[in-house]
Amino acid sequence: MTDFTPNEPVFTPIKDHAEELAKAEAGVADFAAKRNNRWYPKFHIASNGGWINDPNGLCYYQGRWHVFYQLHPYGTQWGPMHWGHVSSTDMVNWKREPIMFAPSLEQEKDGVFSGSAVIGDDGKLKFYYTGHRWANGHDDTGGDWQVQMLAEPDNDELTSATKRGMVIDCPTDKVDHHYRDPKVWKTGDKWYMTFGVSSAEKRGQMWLFSSDDMVRWTYERVLFEHPDPNVFMLECPDFFPIRDTEGNEKWVIGFSAMGAKASGFMNRNVNNAGYMIGTWTPGEAFKPETEFRLWDCGHNYYAPQSFNDGKRQIVYGWMSPFVAPICMEDDGWCGNLTLPREITLGADGDLHTAPVTEMEGLREDTFDFGAIGLDINEERTIADDAEAVEIEMTIDLANSTAERAGLRVHATEDGAYTFIGYDDQIGRVVIDRQANARGDRGYRTAPLSAEELASGTLKLRVYVDRGCVEVYVNDGRQTMSSYSYASEGPRAIKLESESGTLKVASLKLHHLKSIGLE
């Protein structure tokens, strides 16, 4: 990449886009009126209707947490992107806010793409996002034309915003049309921005820009290029410092890699979101010290974005429905986000992501089953009909002989279920959808370290919503997120042992309440 000088910011006269926003609200309302709730989440963020993807603009501002997300209000498949919005004072009870952005300016006429929020030196919030146009003016056959945009909220509630226009143009001769998803932060006296790029040579990169005023940006360098030549784009990049328990600082680079080939247990999804840990000095390239590691080992996880609420680094991901059939498309909605997870740097030198402590506020009641023992090939029902639950379970591996042992969730009378548990032959935690009656199947696995296996115990924290599951392994050393489309009728949860015995040291089941978005 040779140096280039971005154009001066183009502050387009702001077009009043109230009409576009009103149309979008009507589109979502039309889907919501006809929505089928059989798999619609009770405690995960989703749109009232229509398609959603990436979390955007995550922030804690003026006493509220805000989650924006990519939204297509006129269909249950991907289309012209808008920004939906929900907010909360406690991360437990959420309310819907007006749609924040609809395409209105020339640079974004085909989509207000993903971006982030950041609080400036004046204490005011700014949104940076990608404006999207089709290069040929009408469809994707000629590729994309993407630029970076700036908007500022009109009030502290973040219920509307004024678009300022383009701040970074695209040097189309140096880019293979992918050029999006800005992340902005401050280090020292300078502001920095990075975003994902497909270079002219079709290599996945993140570029680094700097600014003194958050408006005029100067290109500095390629912050990072993915070493795999198959990876042609790094979507939804993230970049932030983190300290370990002893106070040592590292930098985390995160991205959703497009083009990586599946290899063994790695990169099994269409595209895969992960991170590397390393060091960074302002103005220099990021220096990785680890290999690429997955944020989440499940079937349906992509485009995570993190933010700092002043005390914690918190991340949301999009549960991406990668593979057809995508059953919820027929129900008036499509897609939801994960639970919020706190990112910490563990003593093992790796990132851990566990649900934020506020998630305990979802619990309505608790059933403590204590210790449980199962004989060879035994099955025991622990809930006859579980619509929204959290299960905390510790498996005594040292005193279990089963080849596979764990939970059947969404177990229905037709014999369908999703298996979540431990597979002793591969030494991994598994989500197996082989017995699902609907949707994509297949299985995914999360690795356990030699230290974890040697400990003789395995802690699983499993969240079961109407149409999806999340699994946290050993307090978030690994996580897994997958859709699971339950069949009709009661949805039981069963404990089972396969080809051996199972000893569960403790098991608790919590019924969870709605977060208020139904």
Protein backbone atom coordinates (compact mmCIF):
# COMPACT_ATOMS: atom_id res chain seq x y z
CA MET A 1 0.00 0.00 0.00
CA THR A 2 1.45 3.36 -1.02
CA ASP A 3 0.60 6.49 0.88
CA PHE A 4 -2.42 8.48 -0.06
CA THR A 5 -3.99 11.65 1.26
CA PRO A 6 -7.72 11.41 1.98
CA ASN A 7 -9.93 14.09 0.57
CA GLU A 8 -11.08 16.87 2.85
CA PRO A 9 -14.25 15.89 4.73
CA VAL A 10 -17.36 16.25 2.59
CA PHE A 11 -20.01 17.74 4.81
CA THR A 12 -23.03 17.21 2.61
CA PRO A 13 -25.97 19.49 3.36
CA ILE A 14 -28.00 17.33 5.68
CA LYS A 15 -31.10 15.96 4.08
CA ASP A 16 -33.99 15.61 6.49
CA HIS A 17 -34.46 11.85 6.50
CA ALA A 18 -37.59 11.77 8.67
CA GLU A 19 -39.51 10.26 5.77
CA GLU A 20 -37.04 7.40 5.34
CA LEU A 21 -37.08 6.71 9.10
CA ALA A 22 -40.89 6.72 9.21
CA LYS A 23 -41.04 4.25 6.32
CA ALA A 24 -38.54 1.99 8.07
CA GLU A 25 -40.49 2.06 11.33
CA ALA A 26 -43.64 1.11 9.40
CA GLY A 27 -41.80 -1.77 7.74
CA VAL A 28 -40.65 -3.20 11.06
CA ALA A 29 -44.13 -2.72 12.58
CA ASP A 30 -45.69 -4.63 9.69
CA PHE A 31 -43.45 -7.64 10.34
CA ALA A 32 -43.95 -7.37 14.12
CA ALA A 33 -47.74 -7.52 13.74
CA LYS A 34 -47.47 -10.90 12.01
CA ARG A 35 -44.44 -12.28 13.82
CA ASN A 36 -44.38 -15.90 14.96
CA ASN A 37 -42.71 -16.11 18.39
CA ARG A 38 -41.93 -19.85 18.46
CA TRP A 39 -38.17 -19.13 18.23
CA TYR A 40 -38.22 -15.40 18.95
CA PRO A 41 -35.83 -14.76 21.87
CA LYS A 42 -36.98 -13.85 25.35
CA PHE A 43 -33.61 -12.67 26.66
CA HIS A 44 -31.51 -11.95 23.56
CA ILE A 45 -31.65 -8.66 21.66
CA ALA A 46 -33.48 -8.93 18.33
CA SER A 47 -35.40 -6.58 16.08
CA ASN A 48 -39.16 -6.37 16.43
CA GLY A 49 -39.28 -7.53 12.81
CA GLY A 50 -37.10 -7.79 9.74
CA TRP A 51 -33.47 -8.87 9.38
CA ILE A 52 -30.60 -7.83 11.67
CA ASN A 53 -26.88 -8.40 11.61
CA ASP A 54 -23.82 -6.69 13.16
CA PRO A 55 -23.98 -4.93 16.54
CA ASN A 56 -23.07 -1.26 16.03
CA GLY A 57 -22.37 1.87 18.07
CA LEU A 58 -22.11 0.05 21.40
CA CYS A 59 -21.65 2.48 24.27
CA TYR A 60 -22.45 3.45 27.84
CA TYR A 61 -23.52 7.10 27.74
CA GLN A 62 -25.27 9.34 30.25
CA GLY A 63 -26.35 6.43 32.45
CA ARG A 64 -27.63 4.12 29.71
CA TRP A 65 -26.25 1.23 27.74
CA HIS A 66 -26.99 1.52 24.04
CA VAL A 67 -26.96 -1.25 21.46
CA PHE A 68 -27.45 -0.37 17.81
CA TYR A 69 -27.54 -3.02 15.10
CA GLN A 70 -27.68 -3.44 11.35
CA LEU A 71 -31.32 -3.66 10.31
CA HIS A 72 -33.20 -4.38 7.09
CA PRO A 73 -36.74 -3.24 7.94
CA TYR A 74 -38.33 -4.42 4.68
CA GLY A 75 -37.35 -8.08 4.63
CA THR A 76 -36.13 -11.05 6.63
CA GLN A 77 -33.03 -11.39 4.48
CA TRP A 78 -30.11 -9.00 4.11
CA GLY A 79 -30.96 -5.75 2.31
CA PRO A 80 -30.36 -1.97 2.46
CA MET A 81 -28.95 -1.42 5.91
CA HIS A 82 -30.41 0.85 8.61
CA TRP A 83 -29.46 1.14 12.29
CA GLY A 84 -31.92 -0.24 14.83
CA HIS A 85 -31.57 0.72 18.50
CA VAL A 86 -32.36 -0.54 22.01
CA SER A 87 -31.25 0.87 25.36
CA SER A 88 -31.15 -0.08 29.03
CA THR A 89 -30.24 1.36 32.42
CA ASP A 90 -29.30 -2.04 33.88
CA MET A 91 -28.48 -4.38 30.93
CA VAL A 92 -31.40 -6.57 32.04
CA ASN A 93 -34.51 -4.60 31.06
CA TRP A 94 -34.36 -3.14 27.56
CA LYS A 95 -36.58 -0.80 25.60
CA ARG A 96 -36.91 -0.15 21.91
CA GLU A 97 -35.77 3.20 20.62
CA PRO A 98 -36.51 4.85 17.26
CA ILE A 99 -34.51 3.64 14.29
CA MET A 100 -31.40 5.81 14.28
CA PHE A 101 -30.19 5.82 10.68
CA ALA A 102 -31.76 5.21 7.29
CA PRO A 103 -30.01 5.68 3.94
CA SER A 104 -30.42 9.32 2.87
CA LEU A 105 -27.11 10.83 1.73
CA GLU A 106 -25.55 10.10 -1.65
CA GLN A 107 -22.56 8.31 -0.09
CA GLU A 108 -24.83 5.89 1.78
CA LYS A 109 -27.76 5.57 -0.57
CA ASP A 110 -27.52 1.77 -0.63
CA GLY A 111 -26.87 1.26 3.06
CA VAL A 112 -25.80 2.78 6.37
CA PHE A 113 -23.23 0.10 7.16
CA SER A 114 -21.55 -0.87 10.42
CA GLY A 115 -19.61 1.44 12.71
CA SER A 116 -18.84 2.37 16.27
CA ALA A 117 -19.50 5.09 18.85
CA VAL A 118 -16.91 7.00 20.86
CA ILE A 119 -17.02 9.83 23.40
CA GLY A 120 -14.88 12.79 22.34
CA ASP A 121 -12.73 15.15 24.39
CA ASP A 122 -15.79 17.40 24.85
CA GLY A 123 -17.75 14.57 26.47
CA LYS A 124 -20.05 14.32 23.47
CA LEU A 125 -20.66 11.12 21.56
CA LYS A 126 -19.81 10.63 17.89
CA PHE A 127 -20.83 7.88 15.50
CA TYR A 128 -18.50 6.67 12.77
CA TYR A 129 -19.95 4.34 10.16
CA THR A 130 -19.54 3.23 6.57
CA GLY A 131 -21.57 4.72 3.77
CA HIS A 132 -22.33 2.13 1.12
CA ARG A 133 -23.14 2.47 -2.57
CA TRP A 134 -23.15 -0.05 -5.37
CA ALA A 135 -20.33 0.93 -7.71
CA ASN A 136 -22.54 0.56 -10.78
CA GLY A 137 -25.41 2.41 -9.10
CA HIS A 138 -27.93 -0.41 -8.82
CA ASP A 139 -26.62 -3.87 -7.76
CA ASP A 140 -23.62 -5.85 -6.55
CA THR A 141 -22.35 -6.99 -9.95
CA GLY A 142 -19.90 -4.09 -10.08
CA GLY A 143 -18.78 -4.29 -6.46
CA ASP A 144 -19.07 -1.80 -3.62
CA TRP A 145 -18.13 1.83 -3.18
CA GLN A 146 -17.63 2.46 0.52
CA VAL A 147 -16.50 5.49 2.53
CA GLN A 148 -16.31 6.45 6.22
CA MET A 149 -18.96 8.79 7.62
CA LEU A 150 -19.54 10.88 10.75
CA ALA A 151 -22.77 11.58 12.64
CA GLU A 152 -23.52 13.26 15.96
CA PRO A 153 -26.50 12.62 18.25
CA ASP A 154 -29.09 15.33 18.74
CA ASN A 155 -29.72 14.53 22.41
CA ASP A 156 -28.31 12.61 25.37
CA GLU A 157 -30.89 9.84 24.88
CA LEU A 158 -29.39 9.10 21.44
CA THR A 159 -32.83 8.90 19.85
CA SER A 160 -31.86 10.86 16.74
CA ALA A 161 -28.69 12.13 15.09
CA THR A 162 -27.42 14.61 12.55
CA LYS A 163 -25.29 13.23 9.75
CA ARG A 164 -22.19 15.32 9.11
CA GLY A 165 -21.12 13.47 5.99
CA MET A 166 -18.02 11.77 4.65
CA VAL A 167 -14.73 12.05 6.53
CA ILE A 168 -12.61 9.47 4.65
CA ASP A 169 -13.03 8.74 0.96
CA CYS A 170 -12.00 5.48 -0.68
CA PRO A 171 -8.92 5.34 -2.94
CA THR A 172 -10.61 2.96 -5.37
CA ASP A 173 -7.38 2.22 -7.24
CA LYS A 174 -5.85 0.78 -4.05
CA VAL A 175 -8.90 -1.13 -2.79
CA ASP A 176 -10.81 -4.15 -4.04
CA HIS A 177 -14.12 -2.47 -3.11
CA HIS A 178 -14.33 -3.74 0.55
CA TYR A 179 -13.54 -0.74 2.80
CA ARG A 180 -15.68 -0.60 5.93
CA ASP A 181 -16.56 -0.80 9.64
CA PRO A 182 -14.59 1.97 11.42
CA LYS A 183 -13.39 1.62 15.00
CA VAL A 184 -12.14 4.80 16.74
CA TRP A 185 -10.14 5.22 19.96
CA LYS A 186 -7.72 7.60 21.64
CA THR A 187 -4.15 6.82 22.68
CA GLY A 188 -2.08 9.65 24.15
CA ASP A 189 -3.00 12.94 22.49
CA LYS A 190 -4.18 11.44 19.21
CA TRP A 191 -7.32 9.85 17.92
CA TYR A 192 -6.99 6.74 15.80
CA MET A 193 -9.29 4.93 13.42
CA THR A 194 -8.99 1.51 11.85
CA PHE A 195 -11.31 -0.33 9.49
CA GLY A 196 -11.31 -3.40 7.30
CA VAL A 197 -9.97 -3.30 3.75
CA SER A 198 -9.54 -5.67 0.86
CA SER A 199 -6.40 -4.40 -0.83
CA ALA A 200 -6.01 -4.13 -4.60
CA GLU A 201 -4.20 -7.48 -4.30
CA LYS A 202 -7.25 -8.89 -2.46
CA ARG A 203 -5.47 -9.24 0.87
CA GLY A 204 -7.37 -8.75 4.11
CA GLN A 205 -6.00 -5.70 5.90
CA MET A 206 -6.77 -3.13 8.57
CA TRP A 207 -5.65 0.44 7.83
CA LEU A 208 -4.64 2.98 10.46
CA PHE A 209 -5.61 6.66 10.39
CA SER A 210 -4.99 9.42 12.95
CA SER A 211 -6.62 12.75 13.77
CA ASP A 212 -6.31 15.68 16.16
CA ASP A 213 -9.91 16.85 15.84
CA MET A 214 -11.85 13.63 15.02
CA VAL A 215 -12.88 15.16 11.69
CA ARG A 216 -9.77 15.42 9.50
CA TRP A 217 -8.04 12.09 9.28
CA THR A 218 -4.54 11.26 8.02
CA TYR A 219 -3.58 7.87 6.64
CA GLU A 220 -0.67 6.35 8.56
CA ARG A 221 -0.11 2.75 7.51
CA VAL A 222 -1.45 -0.76 7.25
CA LEU A 223 -2.06 -1.66 10.88
CA PHE A 224 -2.30 -5.39 10.13
CA GLU A 225 -2.40 -7.73 7.15
CA HIS A 226 -3.71 -11.24 7.59
CA PRO A 227 -0.94 -13.75 6.84
CA ASP A 228 -3.32 -16.16 5.06
CA PRO A 229 -3.54 -15.21 1.36
CA ASN A 230 -6.99 -16.81 1.20
CA VAL A 231 -8.32 -14.15 3.58
CA PHE A 232 -9.43 -11.29 1.35
CA MET A 233 -11.25 -9.08 3.87
CA LEU A 234 -11.27 -8.37 7.62
CA GLU A 235 -14.78 -7.29 8.53
CA CYS A 236 -15.86 -5.57 11.73
CA PRO A 237 -12.35 -4.97 13.09
CA ASP A 238 -11.77 -4.28 16.77
CA PHE A 239 -8.68 -2.98 18.51
CA PHE A 240 -8.24 -2.28 22.21
CA PRO A 241 -5.75 -2.51 25.11
CA ILE A 242 -6.28 -4.91 27.97
CA ARG A 243 -4.38 -5.63 31.18
CA ASP A 244 -3.79 -8.93 32.91
CA THR A 245 -4.21 -9.51 36.64
CA GLU A 246 -0.70 -8.16 37.24
CA GLY A 247 -1.34 -4.96 35.31
CA ASN A 248 0.66 -5.79 32.20
CA GLU A 249 -0.83 -4.24 29.05
CA LYS A 250 -1.44 -6.10 25.81
CA TRP A 251 -3.34 -5.12 22.67
CA VAL A 252 -6.09 -7.22 21.18
CA ILE A 253 -6.84 -7.13 17.46
CA GLY A 254 -10.15 -8.65 16.46
CA PHE A 255 -11.69 -9.21 13.06
CA SER A 256 -14.10 -11.37 11.10
CA ALA A 257 -11.98 -13.08 8.47
CA MET A 258 -13.53 -13.69 5.07
CA GLY A 259 -12.03 -16.43 2.93
CA ALA A 260 -10.25 -18.67 5.46
CA LYS A 261 -10.45 -22.38 4.65
CA ALA A 262 -11.76 -24.91 7.14
CA SER A 263 -9.06 -27.06 8.74
CA GLY A 264 -9.94 -29.71 11.28
CA PHE A 265 -11.96 -28.07 14.05
CA MET A 266 -10.97 -24.54 12.95
CA ASN A 267 -12.87 -22.17 10.67
CA ARG A 268 -15.86 -24.43 10.22
CA ASN A 269 -18.29 -21.56 9.64
CA VAL A 270 -18.67 -19.72 6.34
CA ASN A 271 -16.64 -16.85 7.83
CA ASN A 272 -15.05 -16.83 11.26
CA ALA A 273 -14.57 -14.17 13.92
CA GLY A 274 -11.48 -14.23 16.08
CA TYR A 275 -8.62 -12.32 17.65
CA MET A 276 -4.89 -12.18 18.22
CA ILE A 277 -3.07 -10.82 21.27
CA GLY A 278 0.07 -8.76 20.88
CA THR A 279 1.65 -5.35 21.23
CA TRP A 280 1.20 -2.00 19.52
CA THR A 281 3.03 1.32 19.57
CA PRO A 282 1.13 4.31 18.08
CA GLY A 283 2.04 4.81 14.46
CA GLU A 284 3.44 1.30 14.08
CA ALA A 285 1.98 -1.97 12.89
CA PHE A 286 0.35 -4.36 15.34
CA LYS A 287 2.73 -7.16 16.37
CA PRO A 288 0.87 -10.39 17.12
CA GLU A 289 2.18 -12.73 19.80
CA THR A 290 -0.48 -15.43 19.42
CA GLU A 291 -2.10 -17.32 16.60
CA PHE A 292 -5.64 -16.50 15.42
CA ARG A 293 -8.13 -17.72 18.02
CA LEU A 294 -11.90 -17.90 17.72
CA TRP A 295 -14.01 -15.60 19.87
CA ASP A 296 -16.70 -18.29 19.86
CA CYS A 297 -16.65 -21.93 18.74
CA GLY A 298 -20.36 -22.30 17.94
CA HIS A 299 -22.22 -22.58 14.64
CA ASN A 300 -23.56 -19.03 14.61
CA TYR A 301 -21.23 -16.25 15.72
CA TYR A 302 -19.90 -13.32 13.72
CA ALA A 303 -19.15 -9.59 13.62
CA PRO A 304 -18.48 -8.98 17.33
CA GLN A 305 -17.94 -5.45 18.59
CA SER A 306 -16.56 -4.45 21.98
CA PHE A 307 -16.68 -1.25 23.99
CA ASN A 308 -15.47 -0.04 27.35
CA ASP A 309 -18.11 1.13 29.84
CA GLY A 310 -15.47 2.80 32.02
CA LYS A 311 -14.71 -0.33 34.01
CA ARG A 312 -15.03 -3.30 31.66
CA GLN A 313 -14.43 -4.31 28.05
CA ILE A 314 -17.78 -5.72 26.94
CA VAL A 315 -18.50 -7.50 23.68
CA TYR A 316 -21.67 -8.38 21.78
CA GLY A 317 -21.70 -10.70 18.78
CA TRP A 318 -24.23 -11.38 16.05
CA MET A 319 -25.61 -14.90 15.91
CA SER A 320 -25.28 -15.16 12.16
CA PRO A 321 -27.54 -17.67 10.36
CA PHE A 322 -24.82 -18.79 7.96
CA VAL A 323 -26.41 -21.80 6.30
CA ALA A 324 -29.89 -22.48 4.89
CA PRO A 325 -32.53 -23.44 5.76
CA ILE A 326 -32.94 -20.36 7.97
CA CYS A 327 -36.27 -21.14 9.57
CA MET A 328 -36.93 -17.83 11.33
CA GLU A 329 -37.01 -16.02 7.98
CA ASP A 330 -40.55 -17.35 7.64
CA ASP A 331 -41.58 -15.92 11.02
CA GLY A 332 -41.23 -12.19 10.30
CA TRP A 333 -37.80 -11.71 11.86
CA CYS A 334 -34.25 -13.00 11.41
CA GLY A 335 -31.21 -12.83 13.67
CA ASN A 336 -30.36 -11.91 17.23
CA LEU A 337 -27.33 -10.85 19.23
CA THR A 338 -25.51 -12.79 21.91
CA LEU A 339 -25.57 -11.93 25.59
CA PRO A 340 -23.10 -9.21 26.61
CA ARG A 341 -19.78 -10.73 27.65
CA GLU A 342 -16.96 -9.23 29.68
CA ILE A 343 -13.51 -9.69 28.15
CA THR A 344 -10.69 -10.41 30.60
CA LEU A 345 -7.07 -11.48 30.11
CA GLY A 346 -6.55 -14.59 32.19
CA ALA A 347 -3.50 -15.91 33.98
CA ASP A 348 -3.20 -18.42 31.14
CA GLY A 349 -2.41 -15.55 28.78
CA ASP A 350 -5.64 -15.92 26.83
CA LEU A 351 -8.87 -13.96 26.66
CA HIS A 352 -11.87 -15.17 28.63
CA THR A 353 -15.41 -14.02 27.82
CA ALA A 354 -18.09 -14.69 30.43
CA PRO A 355 -21.56 -13.16 30.70
CA VAL A 356 -21.52 -9.80 32.48
CA THR A 357 -22.61 -10.10 36.10
CA GLU A 358 -25.86 -8.25 35.31
CA MET A 359 -27.12 -11.41 33.58
CA GLU A 360 -27.78 -12.92 36.99
CA GLY A 361 -30.61 -10.38 37.22
CA LEU A 362 -32.51 -12.38 34.61
CA ARG A 363 -33.07 -15.23 37.07
CA GLU A 364 -36.65 -15.63 38.31
CA ASP A 365 -36.13 -18.76 40.39
CA THR A 366 -33.58 -21.47 41.03
CA PHE A 367 -33.88 -25.26 41.27
CA ASP A 368 -30.84 -26.84 42.91
CA PHE A 369 -30.50 -30.50 41.95
CA GLY A 370 -27.26 -30.98 43.90
CA ALA A 371 -25.10 -33.93 42.85
CA ILE A 372 -26.49 -36.37 40.29
CA GLY A 373 -25.21 -39.77 39.19
CA LEU A 374 -26.28 -41.56 36.01
CA ASP A 375 -25.65 -45.18 35.13
CA ILE A 376 -24.54 -46.40 31.72
CA ASN A 377 -26.77 -44.99 28.95
CA GLU A 378 -29.14 -43.44 31.48
CA GLU A 379 -31.31 -40.41 30.78
CA ARG A 380 -32.99 -38.15 33.36
CA THR A 381 -35.38 -35.27 32.73
CA ILE A 382 -34.56 -32.13 34.70
CA ALA A 383 -37.18 -29.86 33.08
CA ASP A 384 -40.38 -30.89 31.30
CA ASP A 385 -40.77 -27.66 29.33
CA ALA A 386 -38.01 -25.07 29.36
CA GLU A 387 -38.55 -21.98 27.23
CA ALA A 388 -35.89 -19.71 28.73
CA VAL A 389 -33.42 -21.10 31.26
CA GLU A 390 -29.84 -20.97 32.48
CA ILE A 391 -28.13 -24.15 33.67
CA GLU A 392 -25.00 -24.21 35.84
CA MET A 393 -23.43 -27.65 35.84
CA THR A 394 -20.12 -29.09 37.04
CA ILE A 395 -19.20 -32.48 35.60
CA ASP A 396 -16.88 -34.71 37.65
CA LEU A 397 -14.78 -35.98 34.77
CA ALA A 398 -12.47 -37.94 37.04
CA ASN A 399 -15.34 -40.12 38.21
CA SER A 400 -17.28 -40.38 34.93
CA THR A 401 -16.71 -43.06 32.29
CA ALA A 402 -19.18 -41.96 29.59
CA GLU A 403 -17.87 -41.42 26.08
CA ARG A 404 -20.28 -38.49 25.75
CA ALA A 405 -22.29 -36.91 28.55
CA GLY A 406 -24.30 -33.77 28.97
CA LEU A 407 -27.65 -32.20 28.15
CA ARG A 408 -30.33 -32.68 25.56
CA VAL A 409 -32.06 -29.30 25.23
CA HIS A 410 -35.11 -28.46 23.14
CA ALA A 411 -35.98 -32.14 23.44
CA THR A 412 -39.45 -32.63 21.94
CA GLU A 413 -41.88 -35.50 21.46
CA ASP A 414 -40.81 -36.05 17.85
CA GLY A 415 -37.35 -37.07 19.06
CA ALA A 416 -35.61 -33.84 18.07
CA TYR A 417 -33.08 -32.20 20.38
CA THR A 418 -29.74 -30.37 20.53
CA PHE A 419 -26.94 -32.05 22.49
CA ILE A 420 -24.57 -29.98 24.64
CA GLY A 421 -21.89 -31.79 26.58
CA TYR A 422 -18.45 -33.37 26.86
CA ASP A 423 -16.97 -35.81 24.34
CA ASP A 424 -14.26 -37.85 26.03
CA GLN A 425 -12.82 -39.25 22.79
CA ILE A 426 -11.81 -35.82 21.52
CA GLY A 427 -11.50 -34.06 24.89
CA ARG A 428 -13.79 -31.23 23.82
CA VAL A 429 -17.14 -29.64 24.61
CA VAL A 430 -19.66 -30.24 21.84
CA ILE A 431 -22.85 -28.69 20.48
CA ASP A 432 -24.37 -31.35 18.23
CA ARG A 433 -27.51 -30.62 16.17
CA GLN A 434 -27.67 -33.97 14.38
CA ALA A 435 -31.10 -34.68 15.86
CA ASN A 436 -32.62 -31.29 14.97
CA ALA A 437 -35.79 -31.52 12.90
CA ARG A 438 -35.35 -28.04 11.41
CA GLY A 439 -32.55 -25.82 10.19
CA ASP A 440 -28.89 -26.55 9.60
CA ARG A 441 -27.35 -29.42 11.54
CA GLY A 442 -23.72 -30.38 12.11
CA TYR A 443 -21.69 -30.11 15.29
CA ARG A 444 -19.13 -27.69 16.70
CA THR A 445 -16.52 -28.21 19.39
CA ALA A 446 -14.65 -26.08 21.91
CA PRO A 447 -11.16 -27.18 22.97
CA LEU A 448 -10.07 -27.86 26.53
CA SER A 449 -6.47 -27.27 27.53
CA ALA A 450 -4.31 -30.00 29.04
CA GLU A 451 -4.61 -28.17 32.36
CA GLU A 452 -8.41 -28.15 32.17
CA LEU A 453 -8.55 -31.85 31.33
CA ALA A 454 -6.10 -32.70 34.11
CA SER A 455 -8.25 -30.83 36.66
CA GLY A 456 -10.84 -33.60 36.51
CA THR A 457 -13.79 -31.21 36.48
CA LEU A 458 -15.67 -29.30 33.79
CA LYS A 459 -17.89 -26.31 34.45
CA LEU A 460 -20.63 -25.54 31.92
CA ARG A 461 -22.96 -22.58 32.01
CA VAL A 462 -25.69 -23.09 29.41
CA TYR A 463 -28.28 -20.53 28.30
CA VAL A 464 -31.30 -21.90 26.46
CA ASP A 465 -33.60 -19.41 24.73
CA ARG A 466 -36.54 -20.20 22.45
CA GLY A 467 -34.42 -20.60 19.34
CA CYS A 468 -30.76 -20.49 20.37
CA VAL A 469 -28.24 -21.67 22.93
CA GLU A 470 -25.07 -20.21 24.41
CA VAL A 471 -22.49 -22.30 26.25
CA TYR A 472 -19.75 -20.93 28.52
CA VAL A 473 -16.96 -23.37 29.32
CA ASN A 474 -14.98 -23.06 32.57
CA ASP A 475 -16.04 -19.48 33.33
CA GLY A 476 -15.67 -18.31 29.74
CA ARG A 477 -12.34 -19.81 28.72
CA GLN A 478 -14.32 -20.91 25.66
CA THR A 479 -17.79 -19.96 24.43
CA MET A 480 -20.23 -21.40 21.90
CA SER A 481 -23.31 -19.86 20.27
CA SER A 482 -25.71 -21.77 18.04
CA TYR A 483 -29.26 -21.57 16.76
CA SER A 484 -31.52 -24.45 17.74
CA TYR A 485 -35.00 -24.47 16.21
CA ALA A 486 -37.14 -26.50 18.59
CA SER A 487 -40.01 -28.61 17.27
CA GLU A 488 -43.60 -28.07 18.39
CA GLY A 489 -44.73 -29.04 21.86
CA PRO A 490 -43.04 -29.06 25.28
CA ARG A 491 -39.27 -28.49 25.22
CA ALA A 492 -37.66 -30.75 27.78
CA ILE A 493 -34.12 -30.69 29.10
CA LYS A 494 -32.59 -34.08 29.81
CA LEU A 495 -29.34 -35.14 31.40
CA GLU A 496 -27.76 -38.15 29.69
CA SER A 497 -24.76 -40.45 29.67
CA GLU A 498 -23.66 -42.33 26.56
CA SER A 499 -21.67 -45.56 26.75
CA GLY A 500 -20.60 -45.05 30.34
CA THR A 501 -21.50 -43.43 33.64
CA LEU A 502 -21.83 -39.77 34.53
CA LYS A 503 -21.13 -38.03 37.80
CA VAL A 504 -22.41 -34.44 38.06
CA ALA A 505 -20.98 -32.67 41.10
CA SER A 506 -23.64 -29.93 41.04
CA LEU A 507 -26.48 -28.73 38.84
CA LYS A 508 -28.71 -25.68 39.12
CA LEU A 509 -31.45 -24.56 36.76
CA HIS A 510 -32.67 -20.95 36.68
CA HIS A 511 -35.79 -19.83 34.84
CA LEU A 512 -35.09 -16.54 33.10
CA LYS A 513 -37.38 -13.59 32.52
CA SER A 514 -37.91 -11.60 29.37
CA ILE A 515 -35.71 -8.56 28.74
CA GLY A 516 -38.78 -6.67 27.55
CA LEU A 517 -38.35 -6.67 23.77
CA GLU A 518 -41.07 -9.18 22.91
